[in-house]
Amino acid sequence: MKRVDDFRLRFGKQELVPIVIGGMGVDISTAELALEVARLGGIGHISDALVQSVSDRRYGTKFVSEKLKKYKANVASSDKSDVHFNLAVLEEATRNHVSRTMEAKRGDGMIFINCMEKLTMNAPRETLRVRLSAALDAGIDGITLSAGLHLGSFALIEDHPRFRDAKLGIIVSSARALGMFLRKNARLQRLPDFVVVEGPLAGGHLGFGLDWAKYDLRTLVAEVQAFLKTEHLDIPVIAAGGIFTGSDAVSFLEQGVAAAQVATRFTVTRECGLPDKVKQEYFKASEEDIEVNTISPTGYPMRMLKGSPGIGSGIRPNCEAYGYLLDANGRCAYIDAYNHQVELHPGAKKISVKDKTCLCTHMRNFDIWTCGQTTYRLKDTTRRLPDGSYQVLSAEQVFHDYQFSVDQKIALPP
């Protein structure tokens, strides 16, 4: 009976344990988690979501407060078109986070950064170019392009000296999306180094509509593999979404994928950035506590726990401090939803906005509990303590369980 450890992910001459920890923002997939996975020989991700806030929290910078101070006079206005990111500050924050992470790296694994196209930041192309370039400058091993088709993202960095050196890949949920990406970038003569095929059971934003349940990861992977074969392309495929055990991963590796990307089981590790009280909510969750809703201003459906405090919250938009989801015209769907409720309830001290959420603020404060569909199984991976809480695991324990387990078994912690 095969184990994950019987396979290897190969990038040229480099061989890695075929386990990739998916990027989870804001600072949920922390530097500590990514570093531990790299030490163990796999691929860890950090995220550049709200990177200025992450820098403030981790390294004592004052980027958020300085941005808020600059635009404080605009707080009461519904027009956010003049609220912009200082590109030099964005570059500094990204370089700071990436370089400090890479300086601490040990072991034979790799560290990638997850970059969401949907972080439009009131200047989509300019801010994404800075984010990608700064990460490459700071020595990141690779970049995973997520939350969008990224049809123009490669072109933003085609002149960067590491454009053909760093590992660059994209997350897709269909062969059609991959085909669009490849056709758009054909002139660059630079194929992605890997393709993550993310299925409908993944956590957070989904590449599907509310009909997500009619899709399944194994079929999507097979369709992408068939497309690549037809096009005579040898690009490693990584399967993601709902892979809960080492045996699950092996079944995809035997199907010919290069690696399995996992995340849900690492949300309840010590190295994960979620507060301990939130980790306990993940452990306690039942299948009925998990929902896919449309409250994200990005327009993508999003999977989370129903008990997330940010659901229905009517806080004032905080774009002057954050503003990562402002589109190129300074608009955000939450601002519109918030203003609509204010108009319906004039003079109210507190309102509730149910159709959208202030995702920047709530993700920054860990009040939107994004999760994979298998989160309800987390309680079966650990032990119940005398006080009724669940034992938090180490990343090494979970990684090794994926790497060495067989027969759908999960090793409980000592």
Protein backbone atom coordinates (compact mmCIF):
# COMPACT_ATOMS: atom_id res chain seq x y z
CA MET A 1 0.00 0.00 0.00
CA LYS A 2 1.56 3.26 -1.12
CA ARG A 3 2.16 6.35 0.97
CA VAL A 4 2.63 9.97 -0.09
CA ASP A 5 6.29 9.53 0.75
CA ASP A 6 6.60 7.05 -2.11
CA PHE A 7 6.15 9.96 -4.56
CA ARG A 8 8.11 13.11 -5.24
CA LEU A 9 7.29 16.49 -6.75
CA ARG A 10 10.01 17.39 -9.24
CA PHE A 11 10.99 20.86 -10.37
CA GLY A 12 13.94 20.20 -12.66
CA LYS A 13 16.56 18.46 -10.53
CA GLN A 14 14.90 19.44 -7.25
CA GLU A 15 12.74 16.84 -5.54
CA LEU A 16 10.22 17.66 -2.82
CA VAL A 17 7.71 15.82 -0.69
CA PRO A 18 4.53 16.25 -2.79
CA ILE A 19 2.64 18.18 -0.12
CA VAL A 20 1.78 21.84 -0.67
CA ILE A 21 0.15 23.93 2.04
CA GLY A 22 -2.26 26.33 0.37
CA GLY A 23 -2.09 30.07 0.90
CA MET A 24 -4.53 31.38 3.51
CA GLY A 25 -4.91 35.07 4.22
CA VAL A 26 -4.86 37.25 6.19
CA ASP A 27 -1.71 35.76 7.75
CA ILE A 28 -3.46 32.46 8.49
CA SER A 29 -0.80 30.60 6.55
CA THR A 30 1.91 32.34 8.53
CA ALA A 31 5.64 32.54 7.92
CA GLU A 32 6.04 30.05 10.78
CA LEU A 33 3.78 27.53 9.06
CA ALA A 34 5.46 27.98 5.69
CA LEU A 35 8.91 27.69 7.23
CA GLU A 36 8.01 24.47 9.02
CA VAL A 37 6.64 22.90 5.86
CA ALA A 38 9.76 23.92 3.94
CA ARG A 39 11.93 22.42 6.69
CA LEU A 40 10.04 19.15 6.28
CA GLY A 41 10.66 19.12 2.53
CA GLY A 42 7.33 20.33 1.15
CA ILE A 43 6.05 23.65 -0.17
CA GLY A 44 4.61 26.22 2.21
CA HIS A 45 2.75 29.40 1.29
CA ILE A 46 2.59 32.82 2.79
CA SER A 47 -0.04 35.28 1.55
CA ASP A 48 0.28 38.90 0.51
CA ALA A 49 -3.32 39.68 1.47
CA LEU A 50 -3.37 42.91 3.54
CA VAL A 51 0.42 42.79 3.55
CA GLN A 52 0.75 46.25 5.09
CA SER A 53 -1.36 45.16 8.06
CA VAL A 54 0.63 41.93 8.32
CA SER A 55 3.87 43.93 8.37
CA ASP A 56 2.51 46.17 11.15
CA ARG A 57 1.43 43.21 13.25
CA ARG A 58 4.62 41.23 12.76
CA TYR A 59 7.38 43.78 12.43
CA GLY A 60 6.14 46.91 14.19
CA THR A 61 5.71 49.11 11.12
CA LYS A 62 2.98 51.76 11.03
CA PHE A 63 1.79 51.46 7.45
CA VAL A 64 -1.94 51.15 8.21
CA SER A 65 -2.11 54.02 10.69
CA GLU A 66 -0.13 56.25 8.33
CA LYS A 67 -2.51 55.47 5.45
CA LEU A 68 -5.53 56.12 7.68
CA LYS A 69 -4.04 59.42 8.85
CA LYS A 70 -3.51 60.53 5.25
CA TYR A 71 -7.10 59.83 4.24
CA LYS A 72 -8.88 60.43 7.55
CA ALA A 73 -10.89 63.33 6.15
CA ASN A 74 -12.47 60.93 3.66
CA VAL A 75 -13.76 58.39 6.22
CA ALA A 76 -17.35 59.64 6.22
CA SER A 77 -17.53 59.85 2.43
CA SER A 78 -18.98 57.07 0.31
CA ASP A 79 -16.65 58.09 -2.54
CA LYS A 80 -13.37 56.22 -2.12
CA SER A 81 -11.95 57.00 -5.57
CA ASP A 82 -9.20 59.20 -4.09
CA VAL A 83 -8.04 56.55 -1.58
CA HIS A 84 -4.88 55.06 -3.05
CA PHE A 85 -2.01 52.88 -1.90
CA ASN A 86 1.45 54.38 -1.83
CA LEU A 87 3.25 51.99 -4.19
CA ALA A 88 6.61 52.53 -2.47
CA VAL A 89 5.06 51.57 0.88
CA LEU A 90 3.36 48.54 -0.67
CA GLU A 91 6.70 47.48 -2.10
CA GLU A 92 8.45 47.95 1.24
CA ALA A 93 5.80 45.96 3.12
CA THR A 94 5.94 43.08 0.63
CA ARG A 95 9.74 42.99 0.59
CA ASN A 96 9.80 43.15 4.37
CA HIS A 97 7.47 40.19 4.83
CA VAL A 98 9.02 38.04 2.11
CA SER A 99 12.68 38.75 2.87
CA ARG A 100 12.33 38.10 6.59
CA THR A 101 10.56 34.83 5.85
CA MET A 102 13.15 33.70 3.32
CA GLU A 103 16.07 34.63 5.59
CA ALA A 104 14.70 32.22 8.19
CA LYS A 105 14.18 29.34 5.76
CA ARG A 106 15.81 26.01 6.55
CA GLY A 107 15.54 22.61 4.92
CA ASP A 108 15.10 21.40 1.36
CA GLY A 109 11.55 22.60 0.74
CA MET A 110 10.28 25.77 -0.87
CA ILE A 111 8.23 28.82 0.10
CA PHE A 112 5.74 30.40 -2.31
CA ILE A 113 3.54 33.46 -1.95
CA ASN A 114 -0.16 33.46 -2.80
CA CYS A 115 -1.23 36.53 -4.82
CA MET A 116 -4.94 37.21 -5.36
CA GLU A 117 -5.91 39.12 -8.49
CA LYS A 118 -9.14 40.18 -6.76
CA LEU A 119 -7.12 42.41 -4.43
CA THR A 120 -7.68 45.26 -6.87
CA MET A 121 -6.62 48.04 -4.46
CA ASN A 122 -8.04 50.94 -6.56
CA ALA A 123 -5.24 50.37 -9.10
CA PRO A 124 -5.36 46.72 -10.17
CA ARG A 125 -2.44 46.53 -12.59
CA GLU A 126 -0.09 48.88 -10.78
CA THR A 127 -0.50 47.34 -7.35
CA LEU A 128 -0.31 43.75 -8.62
CA ARG A 129 2.88 44.54 -10.53
CA VAL A 130 4.44 45.93 -7.35
CA ARG A 131 3.33 42.95 -5.27
CA LEU A 132 4.71 40.40 -7.74
CA SER A 133 7.96 42.25 -8.42
CA ALA A 134 8.68 42.95 -4.76
CA ALA A 135 8.16 39.29 -3.84
CA LEU A 136 10.60 38.25 -6.56
CA ASP A 137 13.09 40.92 -5.45
CA ALA A 138 12.92 39.61 -1.89
CA GLY A 139 13.83 36.07 -2.92
CA ILE A 140 10.54 34.16 -2.83
CA ASP A 141 10.90 30.68 -4.32
CA GLY A 142 7.66 30.89 -6.25
CA ILE A 143 4.36 32.68 -6.78
CA THR A 144 0.90 31.14 -6.94
CA LEU A 145 -1.60 33.32 -8.80
CA SER A 146 -5.07 32.96 -7.30
CA ALA A 147 -8.59 34.45 -7.15
CA GLY A 148 -8.84 35.50 -10.78
CA LEU A 149 -8.00 34.49 -14.34
CA HIS A 150 -4.70 36.44 -14.22
CA LEU A 151 -4.71 36.83 -17.99
CA GLY A 152 -2.26 39.74 -17.81
CA SER A 153 -0.29 38.91 -14.68
CA PHE A 154 2.71 37.26 -16.34
CA ALA A 155 3.11 40.29 -18.61
CA LEU A 156 3.39 42.55 -15.57
CA ILE A 157 6.69 40.91 -14.62
CA GLU A 158 8.03 39.73 -17.99
CA ASP A 159 10.98 42.13 -17.69
CA HIS A 160 11.88 41.06 -14.17
CA PRO A 161 15.26 39.26 -14.01
CA ARG A 162 13.65 36.36 -12.13
CA PHE A 163 10.68 35.94 -14.48
CA ARG A 164 12.07 32.69 -15.89
CA ASP A 165 13.87 31.64 -12.73
CA ALA A 166 11.22 31.67 -10.00
CA LYS A 167 8.47 29.04 -9.97
CA LEU A 168 5.27 30.65 -11.24
CA GLY A 169 1.92 28.90 -11.21
CA ILE A 170 -1.80 29.53 -11.29
CA ILE A 171 -4.90 28.18 -9.56
CA VAL A 172 -7.73 27.17 -11.91
CA SER A 173 -11.00 25.34 -11.49
CA SER A 174 -11.43 24.21 -15.10
CA ALA A 175 -9.49 23.25 -18.21
CA ARG A 176 -11.21 26.15 -19.95
CA ALA A 177 -9.70 28.69 -17.53
CA LEU A 178 -6.27 27.16 -18.00
CA GLY A 179 -6.65 27.32 -21.78
CA MET A 180 -7.55 31.01 -21.62
CA PHE A 181 -4.50 31.73 -19.47
CA LEU A 182 -2.14 29.86 -21.79
CA ARG A 183 -3.49 31.47 -24.95
CA LYS A 184 -3.25 34.96 -23.47
CA ASN A 185 0.36 34.41 -22.42
CA ALA A 186 1.58 32.48 -25.47
CA ARG A 187 3.58 35.43 -26.80
CA LEU A 188 5.73 35.43 -23.65
CA GLN A 189 6.97 31.90 -24.40
CA ARG A 190 6.86 31.21 -20.70
CA LEU A 191 4.66 28.35 -19.46
CA PRO A 192 3.57 28.14 -15.83
CA ASP A 193 5.75 25.84 -13.74
CA PHE A 194 2.68 24.28 -12.14
CA VAL A 195 -1.10 24.38 -12.25
CA VAL A 196 -3.20 23.97 -9.12
CA VAL A 197 -6.61 22.49 -9.91
CA GLU A 198 -8.85 23.57 -7.05
CA GLY A 199 -12.09 21.68 -6.56
CA PRO A 200 -15.42 22.69 -5.02
CA LEU A 201 -14.62 21.52 -1.47
CA ALA A 202 -11.85 24.08 -0.92
CA GLY A 203 -12.03 26.79 1.70
CA GLY A 204 -12.50 30.51 1.18
CA HIS A 205 -13.22 31.89 -2.28
CA LEU A 206 -14.36 29.34 -4.85
CA GLY A 207 -13.96 29.27 -8.61
CA PHE A 208 -17.55 28.01 -8.97
CA GLY A 209 -21.05 29.37 -8.66
CA LEU A 210 -23.56 28.31 -6.05
CA ASP A 211 -23.93 25.12 -8.07
CA TRP A 212 -20.50 24.04 -6.77
CA ALA A 213 -21.84 20.72 -5.49
CA LYS A 214 -22.29 19.34 -9.02
CA TYR A 215 -18.52 19.42 -9.62
CA ASP A 216 -15.88 17.09 -8.23
CA LEU A 217 -12.12 17.44 -8.01
CA ARG A 218 -11.22 14.13 -9.60
CA THR A 219 -13.15 14.92 -12.77
CA LEU A 220 -11.71 18.43 -12.95
CA VAL A 221 -8.17 17.07 -12.59
CA ALA A 222 -8.77 14.49 -15.31
CA GLU A 223 -10.09 17.19 -17.66
CA VAL A 224 -7.03 19.39 -17.08
CA GLN A 225 -4.71 16.42 -17.58
CA ALA A 226 -6.48 15.52 -20.82
CA PHE A 227 -6.22 19.12 -22.04
CA LEU A 228 -2.49 19.26 -21.33
CA LYS A 229 -1.96 15.95 -23.09
CA THR A 230 -3.87 17.16 -26.13
CA GLU A 231 -1.75 20.32 -26.19
CA HIS A 232 1.45 18.28 -25.70
CA LEU A 233 2.31 20.24 -22.57
CA ASP A 234 4.18 18.78 -19.61
CA ILE A 235 3.11 21.02 -16.74
CA PRO A 236 2.88 19.55 -13.21
CA VAL A 237 -0.72 19.43 -11.95
CA ILE A 238 -1.42 19.87 -8.25
CA ALA A 239 -4.80 18.73 -6.89
CA ALA A 240 -6.47 20.85 -4.20
CA GLY A 241 -9.70 20.94 -2.23
CA GLY A 242 -11.04 18.30 0.15
CA ILE A 243 -7.89 16.15 0.39
CA PHE A 244 -8.15 15.22 4.05
CA THR A 245 -5.91 12.15 4.49
CA GLY A 246 -2.67 10.79 3.15
CA SER A 247 -4.70 8.11 1.40
CA ASP A 248 -6.77 10.80 -0.32
CA ALA A 249 -3.55 12.38 -1.55
CA VAL A 250 -2.16 9.04 -2.75
CA SER A 251 -5.30 8.42 -4.83
CA PHE A 252 -4.60 11.65 -6.75
CA LEU A 253 -0.87 10.98 -7.01
CA GLU A 254 -1.70 7.61 -8.55
CA GLN A 255 -3.93 9.51 -11.00
CA GLY A 256 -0.79 11.30 -12.16
CA VAL A 257 -0.83 14.60 -10.31
CA ALA A 258 2.50 15.97 -9.14
CA ALA A 259 1.39 16.92 -5.63
CA ALA A 260 -1.56 17.50 -3.33
CA GLN A 261 -2.36 20.94 -1.95
CA VAL A 262 -3.95 20.88 1.48
CA ALA A 263 -4.89 23.51 4.04
CA THR A 264 -7.87 22.67 6.28
CA ARG A 265 -6.00 20.36 8.65
CA PHE A 266 -3.26 22.97 9.12
CA THR A 267 -5.72 25.62 10.33
CA VAL A 268 -5.69 23.97 13.77
CA THR A 269 -1.92 23.76 14.14
CA ARG A 270 0.15 25.87 16.52
CA GLU A 271 1.92 27.52 13.60
CA CYS A 272 -1.32 28.70 11.98
CA GLY A 273 -2.19 32.37 12.50
CA LEU A 274 -5.77 31.87 13.68
CA PRO A 275 -6.36 32.75 17.35
CA ASP A 276 -6.70 29.70 19.60
CA LYS A 277 -10.37 30.43 20.31
CA VAL A 278 -11.10 30.35 16.57
CA LYS A 279 -9.21 27.08 16.18
CA GLN A 280 -11.57 25.61 18.78
CA GLU A 281 -14.54 26.78 16.69
CA TYR A 282 -13.10 24.84 13.76
CA PHE A 283 -12.71 21.73 15.91
CA LYS A 284 -16.28 22.00 17.23
CA ALA A 285 -17.89 22.59 13.83
CA SER A 286 -20.41 20.14 12.42
CA GLU A 287 -21.08 19.72 8.72
CA GLU A 288 -24.25 21.79 9.16
CA ASP A 289 -22.16 24.69 10.50
CA ILE A 290 -20.44 25.16 7.12
CA GLU A 291 -21.95 27.25 4.33
CA VAL A 292 -21.13 28.72 0.94
CA ASN A 293 -22.46 32.25 0.67
CA THR A 294 -22.08 35.34 -1.50
CA ILE A 295 -21.17 37.98 1.10
CA SER A 296 -17.67 38.55 -0.32
CA PRO A 297 -17.43 41.85 -2.22
CA THR A 298 -15.21 40.09 -4.78
CA GLY A 299 -18.23 38.45 -6.42
CA TYR A 300 -16.90 34.96 -5.74
CA PRO A 301 -18.86 32.52 -3.58
CA MET A 302 -17.04 31.88 -0.31
CA ARG A 303 -17.07 28.95 2.14
CA MET A 304 -16.99 29.72 5.86
CA LEU A 305 -18.46 28.79 9.22
CA LYS A 306 -21.99 30.11 9.73
CA GLY A 307 -20.98 31.41 13.16
CA SER A 308 -18.43 33.86 11.74
CA PRO A 309 -18.90 37.16 13.65
CA GLY A 310 -18.42 39.14 10.44
CA ILE A 311 -21.59 37.73 8.85
CA GLY A 312 -24.30 40.37 9.12
CA SER A 313 -21.99 42.91 10.70
CA GLY A 314 -22.74 46.49 9.75
CA ILE A 315 -19.43 48.17 10.49
CA ARG A 316 -18.54 51.33 8.61
CA PRO A 317 -16.30 50.67 5.58
CA ASN A 318 -12.66 50.98 6.57
CA CYS A 319 -11.15 51.66 3.15
CA GLU A 320 -8.99 54.53 4.39
CA ALA A 321 -7.04 52.03 6.50
CA TYR A 322 -7.32 48.99 4.22
CA GLY A 323 -9.21 49.29 0.91
CA TYR A 324 -7.76 46.19 -0.70
CA LEU A 325 -11.00 45.38 -2.56
CA LEU A 326 -11.61 48.80 -4.09
CA ASP A 327 -11.92 48.40 -7.84
CA ALA A 328 -10.28 50.64 -10.42
CA ASN A 329 -13.01 53.24 -9.83
CA GLY A 330 -12.75 53.18 -6.06
CA ARG A 331 -15.91 51.11 -5.64
CA CYS A 332 -16.61 48.12 -3.40
CA ALA A 333 -19.81 46.11 -3.18
CA TYR A 334 -19.80 46.36 0.61
CA ILE A 335 -19.82 50.18 0.49
CA ASP A 336 -22.96 50.07 -1.66
CA ALA A 337 -24.62 47.51 0.63
CA TYR A 338 -23.70 49.49 3.74
CA ASN A 339 -24.97 52.79 2.34
CA HIS A 340 -28.23 51.14 1.31
CA GLN A 341 -28.84 49.98 4.89
CA VAL A 342 -27.95 53.43 6.24
CA GLU A 343 -30.57 54.95 3.94
CA LEU A 344 -33.17 52.40 5.08
CA HIS A 345 -32.41 53.07 8.77
CA PRO A 346 -31.67 56.79 9.15
CA GLY A 347 -30.41 57.71 12.58
CA ALA A 348 -29.83 54.11 13.65
CA LYS A 349 -26.80 53.68 15.89
CA LYS A 350 -26.24 50.13 14.66
CA ILE A 351 -27.20 48.45 11.42
CA SER A 352 -26.82 44.97 9.97
CA VAL A 353 -25.57 44.33 6.44
CA LYS A 354 -26.44 40.79 5.46
CA ASP A 355 -25.76 40.60 1.73
CA LYS A 356 -22.09 41.69 1.83
CA THR A 357 -19.32 42.00 4.43
CA CYS A 358 -16.40 44.34 5.02
CA LEU A 359 -13.99 41.57 4.12
CA CYS A 360 -10.75 43.50 4.66
CA THR A 361 -11.53 44.44 8.25
CA HIS A 362 -13.15 41.15 9.21
CA MET A 363 -10.40 38.98 7.71
CA ARG A 364 -7.77 41.15 9.37
CA ASN A 365 -9.55 40.65 12.72
CA PHE A 366 -10.20 36.91 12.15
CA ASP A 367 -13.97 37.47 12.21
CA ILE A 368 -14.71 35.66 8.92
CA TRP A 369 -13.94 32.00 9.52
CA THR A 370 -13.21 30.68 6.04
CA CYS A 371 -12.89 26.91 5.96
CA GLY A 372 -12.86 23.84 3.76
CA GLN A 373 -15.87 21.54 3.48
CA THR A 374 -14.05 18.86 5.51
CA THR A 375 -13.59 21.13 8.54
CA TYR A 376 -16.23 19.17 10.45
CA ARG A 377 -13.81 16.20 10.47
CA LEU A 378 -11.06 18.07 12.32
CA LYS A 379 -12.29 16.83 15.70
CA ASP A 380 -11.40 13.31 14.55
CA THR A 381 -7.73 14.25 14.09
CA THR A 382 -6.97 15.10 17.72
CA ARG A 383 -7.89 14.40 21.34
CA ARG A 384 -10.49 16.00 23.60
CA LEU A 385 -8.88 17.51 26.69
CA PRO A 386 -10.35 17.28 30.23
CA ASP A 387 -11.64 20.87 30.01
CA GLY A 388 -13.64 19.99 26.89
CA SER A 389 -11.37 21.76 24.44
CA TYR A 390 -9.46 20.05 21.68
CA GLN A 391 -5.69 19.55 21.57
CA VAL A 392 -4.03 21.86 19.06
CA LEU A 393 -1.62 20.00 16.80
CA SER A 394 1.82 20.81 15.44
CA ALA A 395 2.37 21.34 11.73
CA GLU A 396 4.96 18.58 11.82
CA GLN A 397 2.40 16.09 13.18
CA VAL A 398 -0.10 16.89 10.44
CA PHE A 399 2.53 16.97 7.69
CA HIS A 400 3.94 13.58 8.71
CA ASP A 401 0.45 12.11 8.94
CA TYR A 402 -0.15 13.09 5.32
CA GLN A 403 3.30 11.86 4.34
CA PHE A 404 3.32 8.44 5.98
CA SER A 405 -0.28 7.35 6.73
CA VAL A 406 -2.06 4.54 4.88
CA ASP A 407 -5.53 2.99 4.66
CA GLN A 408 -7.37 6.28 5.42
CA LYS A 409 -5.94 6.24 8.95
CA ILE A 410 -5.17 9.41 10.91
CA ALA A 411 -2.59 9.28 13.68
CA LEU A 412 -3.79 11.05 16.82
CA PRO A 413 -1.31 13.21 18.75
CA PRO A 414 0.39 11.74 21.81
